[in-house]
Amino acid sequence: MRVSHSNEVQWGERKLDQCIMLSIADMHRNESPLIAASYFWSDTLSAFVFGHGPASPTLADVLMLTGLDVSTADSIHLFDTMPSAKVETRAIGGWSGYIQKYRRTGPVNKKEQTTVLNMWLDKFVFCGRSAGPTSVYLSAAERLANGGRFPLGRYLLGSTYHLLHQVSRKLLLGESIGKLGGPWWFLICGSVSICTSILSSTCSHNASPKT
């Protein structure tokens, strides 16, 4: 919260603040409906295949639900650039150890902002290891901390598809979902949008005059 408050204007302009608050909110992850919906997920179509037809989260949903950038040209591949910041991720004691090591007091500097954004991207946007931190997304975190822009909304959508692929694959193999990291928060918000669309379509169909 301290880092978020210190970057309220900058993060607010790019809608990062509301996405971070949504992702860390005490949002009940009701796995039963999500698991049930995952049975209808098709990797081939990248969509849920229901009786009325396919439905899937889109960039329009990302923009409507999060406000994240979906239109900026992605001129530099995020994972091809070397970050100047360095973080320790091995033998650190998981996420709790990461937080303890990089927690600071006083004014927030770019390094602290980068480490916080790295944790958020790793745990709540990309499908990183939920058990502990990595530095895979550090270059993206540093770019955000420095005010850089890139279409994070597109990455969020792709990550959502990947999360659905992971869940459906584990269900197909009869495996436990476990503690998969990723944008569960967006999937929960998006499922409400998809269900509303389905109900609207069903009601419209039932209200149509029979010929």
Protein backbone atom coordinates (compact mmCIF):
# COMPACT_ATOMS: atom_id res chain seq x y z
CA MET A 1 0.00 0.00 0.00
CA ARG A 2 2.86 2.40 0.80
CA VAL A 3 4.41 1.92 -2.67
CA SER A 4 1.00 2.24 -4.31
CA HIS A 5 0.24 5.52 -2.52
CA SER A 6 3.60 7.00 -3.51
CA ASN A 7 2.89 6.22 -7.18
CA GLU A 8 -0.81 7.01 -7.11
CA VAL A 9 -0.76 9.46 -10.00
CA GLN A 10 1.57 7.52 -12.29
CA TRP A 11 -0.11 4.17 -11.67
CA GLY A 12 -3.57 5.72 -11.82
CA GLU A 13 -2.94 7.11 -15.30
CA ARG A 14 -2.15 3.61 -16.56
CA LYS A 15 -4.86 1.90 -14.45
CA LEU A 16 -2.23 -0.16 -12.64
CA ASP A 17 -3.57 0.89 -9.25
CA GLN A 18 -7.06 -0.54 -9.75
CA CYS A 19 -5.68 -3.77 -11.23
CA ILE A 20 -3.32 -4.23 -8.30
CA MET A 21 -6.16 -3.62 -5.84
CA LEU A 22 -8.38 -6.12 -7.68
CA SER A 23 -5.66 -8.76 -7.74
CA ILE A 24 -4.87 -8.52 -4.02
CA ALA A 25 -8.48 -8.05 -2.91
CA ASP A 26 -10.05 -10.69 -0.71
CA MET A 27 -11.86 -12.02 -3.75
CA HIS A 28 -13.29 -15.47 -3.04
CA ARG A 29 -11.83 -17.85 -5.61
CA ASN A 30 -14.82 -20.10 -5.97
CA GLU A 31 -13.05 -22.91 -7.78
CA SER A 32 -16.13 -25.04 -8.52
CA PRO A 33 -17.64 -22.70 -11.17
CA LEU A 34 -14.17 -21.95 -12.59
CA ILE A 35 -13.36 -25.65 -12.84
CA ALA A 36 -16.77 -26.34 -14.38
CA ALA A 37 -16.21 -23.58 -16.94
CA SER A 38 -12.73 -24.94 -17.71
CA TYR A 39 -14.28 -28.21 -18.89
CA PHE A 40 -15.79 -26.20 -21.75
CA TRP A 41 -12.49 -24.53 -22.69
CA SER A 42 -11.10 -25.35 -26.14
CA ASP A 43 -7.39 -24.71 -26.75
CA THR A 44 -8.02 -25.04 -30.48
CA LEU A 45 -10.58 -22.23 -30.55
CA SER A 46 -9.22 -20.34 -27.52
CA ALA A 47 -12.80 -20.12 -26.35
CA PHE A 48 -15.41 -21.68 -24.11
CA VAL A 49 -17.70 -23.82 -26.25
CA PHE A 50 -21.21 -23.72 -24.83
CA GLY A 51 -24.50 -24.85 -26.31
CA HIS A 52 -25.32 -21.40 -27.69
CA GLY A 53 -21.86 -21.07 -29.30
CA PRO A 54 -18.29 -20.06 -28.42
CA ALA A 55 -17.47 -17.33 -25.91
CA SER A 56 -14.07 -16.09 -24.82
CA PRO A 57 -12.39 -13.17 -23.05
CA THR A 58 -11.30 -10.53 -25.56
CA LEU A 59 -9.24 -7.36 -25.65
CA ALA A 60 -12.52 -5.47 -25.32
CA ASP A 61 -13.13 -7.26 -22.01
CA VAL A 62 -9.60 -6.42 -20.85
CA LEU A 63 -10.12 -2.75 -21.70
CA MET A 64 -13.57 -2.62 -20.12
CA LEU A 65 -12.69 -4.50 -16.93
CA THR A 66 -9.16 -3.22 -16.30
CA GLY A 67 -8.50 -0.17 -18.46
CA LEU A 68 -5.01 -1.51 -19.19
CA ASP A 69 -3.20 -0.46 -22.34
CA VAL A 70 -4.06 -2.69 -25.32
CA SER A 71 -3.15 -0.38 -28.19
CA THR A 72 0.45 0.80 -27.72
CA ALA A 73 2.83 -0.69 -30.26
CA ASP A 74 4.98 -3.39 -28.66
CA SER A 75 8.24 -2.29 -30.28
CA ILE A 76 10.59 -3.96 -27.79
CA HIS A 77 10.13 -7.55 -26.65
CA LEU A 78 9.89 -7.40 -22.89
CA PHE A 79 11.89 -10.51 -22.24
CA ASP A 80 14.77 -9.72 -24.61
CA THR A 81 16.02 -6.74 -22.60
CA MET A 82 18.33 -7.00 -19.62
CA PRO A 83 17.10 -5.10 -16.55
CA SER A 84 19.53 -2.89 -14.69
CA ALA A 85 17.95 -3.89 -11.38
CA LYS A 86 18.97 -7.15 -9.73
CA VAL A 87 16.86 -9.17 -7.31
CA GLU A 88 17.65 -12.28 -5.35
CA THR A 89 15.15 -15.08 -5.91
CA ARG A 90 16.93 -18.29 -4.87
CA ALA A 91 17.13 -19.59 -1.31
CA ILE A 92 15.23 -16.54 -0.17
CA GLY A 93 12.35 -18.31 1.58
CA GLY A 94 9.62 -17.90 -1.01
CA TRP A 95 7.48 -14.82 -1.39
CA SER A 96 7.50 -14.02 2.33
CA GLY A 97 11.31 -13.92 2.27
CA TYR A 98 11.25 -11.77 -0.87
CA ILE A 99 8.93 -9.27 0.79
CA GLN A 100 11.04 -9.13 3.95
CA LYS A 101 14.26 -8.63 2.00
CA TYR A 102 13.03 -5.81 -0.21
CA ARG A 103 10.63 -4.05 2.16
CA ARG A 104 11.83 -0.55 2.98
CA THR A 105 10.73 2.45 5.01
CA GLY A 106 10.78 6.09 4.03
CA PRO A 107 10.58 7.44 0.46
CA VAL A 108 9.97 4.84 -2.26
CA ASN A 109 12.75 4.61 -4.83
CA LYS A 110 12.75 3.00 -8.28
CA LYS A 111 14.34 -0.21 -7.00
CA GLU A 112 11.58 -0.79 -4.46
CA GLN A 113 8.91 0.09 -6.99
CA THR A 114 10.49 -2.38 -9.43
CA THR A 115 10.59 -5.21 -6.89
CA VAL A 116 6.92 -4.66 -5.99
CA LEU A 117 5.85 -4.61 -9.64
CA ASN A 118 7.97 -7.69 -10.30
CA MET A 119 6.08 -9.56 -7.59
CA TRP A 120 2.72 -8.40 -8.94
CA LEU A 121 3.53 -9.37 -12.53
CA ASP A 122 4.93 -12.72 -11.45
CA LYS A 123 2.05 -13.72 -9.17
CA PHE A 124 -1.01 -11.98 -10.60
CA VAL A 125 -0.46 -11.26 -14.30
CA PHE A 126 1.84 -13.85 -15.79
CA CYS A 127 1.63 -17.50 -14.82
CA GLY A 128 4.77 -17.51 -12.72
CA ARG A 129 5.66 -19.93 -9.96
CA SER A 130 3.25 -19.31 -7.11
CA ALA A 131 5.64 -20.98 -4.67
CA GLY A 132 8.36 -18.36 -4.99
CA PRO A 133 9.74 -15.37 -6.88
CA THR A 134 11.57 -15.29 -10.20
CA SER A 135 13.30 -12.52 -12.14
CA VAL A 136 11.75 -13.49 -15.50
CA TYR A 137 9.48 -10.45 -15.51
CA LEU A 138 11.93 -8.02 -13.95
CA SER A 139 12.57 -6.15 -17.21
CA ALA A 140 8.82 -5.55 -17.60
CA ALA A 141 8.58 -4.39 -13.98
CA GLU A 142 11.49 -2.01 -14.46
CA ARG A 143 9.93 -0.61 -17.59
CA LEU A 144 6.69 0.11 -15.75
CA ALA A 145 8.57 1.65 -12.82
CA ASN A 146 10.40 3.97 -15.21
CA GLY A 147 7.13 5.15 -16.76
CA GLY A 148 7.52 3.11 -19.93
CA ARG A 149 4.47 1.98 -21.83
CA PHE A 150 3.68 -1.33 -23.48
CA PRO A 151 0.41 -3.18 -24.17
CA LEU A 152 0.14 -4.92 -20.79
CA GLY A 153 -3.52 -5.66 -21.51
CA ARG A 154 -2.54 -7.90 -24.41
CA TYR A 155 -0.11 -9.80 -22.21
CA LEU A 156 -2.84 -10.17 -19.58
CA LEU A 157 -5.20 -11.69 -22.15
CA GLY A 158 -2.54 -14.09 -23.40
CA SER A 159 -1.75 -15.08 -19.83
CA THR A 160 -5.44 -15.72 -19.18
CA TYR A 161 -5.56 -18.09 -22.14
CA HIS A 162 -2.45 -19.84 -20.82
CA LEU A 163 -3.97 -20.20 -17.36
CA LEU A 164 -7.12 -21.72 -18.84
CA HIS A 165 -4.95 -24.10 -20.87
CA GLN A 166 -3.11 -25.18 -17.71
CA VAL A 167 -6.33 -25.75 -15.77
CA SER A 168 -8.08 -27.67 -18.57
CA ARG A 169 -4.98 -29.83 -19.15
CA LYS A 170 -4.73 -30.75 -15.47
CA LEU A 171 -8.44 -31.59 -15.39
CA LEU A 172 -8.04 -33.74 -18.51
CA LEU A 173 -5.20 -35.66 -16.86
CA GLY A 174 -7.10 -35.97 -13.60
CA GLU A 175 -4.51 -33.89 -11.74
CA SER A 176 -5.02 -31.39 -8.96
CA ILE A 177 -5.00 -27.74 -10.00
CA GLY A 178 -2.75 -26.98 -7.06
CA LYS A 179 -1.53 -23.43 -6.58
CA LEU A 180 -1.31 -22.18 -10.14
CA GLY A 181 -0.23 -18.56 -10.36
CA GLY A 182 -1.67 -16.15 -12.85
CA PRO A 183 -4.58 -13.78 -13.45
CA TRP A 184 -7.26 -15.60 -11.45
CA TRP A 185 -8.64 -12.20 -10.45
CA PHE A 186 -9.24 -11.28 -14.10
CA LEU A 187 -10.71 -14.70 -14.82
CA ILE A 188 -13.18 -14.22 -11.97
CA CYS A 189 -14.16 -10.76 -13.22
CA GLY A 190 -14.28 -12.01 -16.81
CA SER A 191 -16.46 -14.99 -15.93
CA VAL A 192 -19.11 -12.58 -14.66
CA SER A 193 -18.99 -10.75 -18.00
CA ILE A 194 -19.20 -13.99 -19.99
CA CYS A 195 -22.06 -15.36 -17.85
CA THR A 196 -23.95 -12.08 -18.29
CA SER A 197 -23.46 -12.34 -22.05
CA ILE A 198 -24.69 -15.95 -22.05
CA LEU A 199 -27.77 -15.09 -19.97
CA SER A 200 -28.53 -12.12 -22.20
CA SER A 201 -28.20 -14.28 -25.32
CA THR A 202 -30.35 -17.05 -23.80
CA CYS A 203 -33.07 -14.64 -22.68
CA SER A 204 -33.08 -12.95 -26.09
CA HIS A 205 -33.35 -16.33 -27.80
CA ASN A 206 -36.21 -17.48 -25.55
CA ALA A 207 -38.04 -14.19 -26.06
CA SER A 208 -37.84 -14.47 -29.86
CA PRO A 209 -41.17 -15.33 -31.46
CA LYS A 210 -41.38 -18.93 -32.64
CA THR A 211 -42.21 -19.45 -36.27
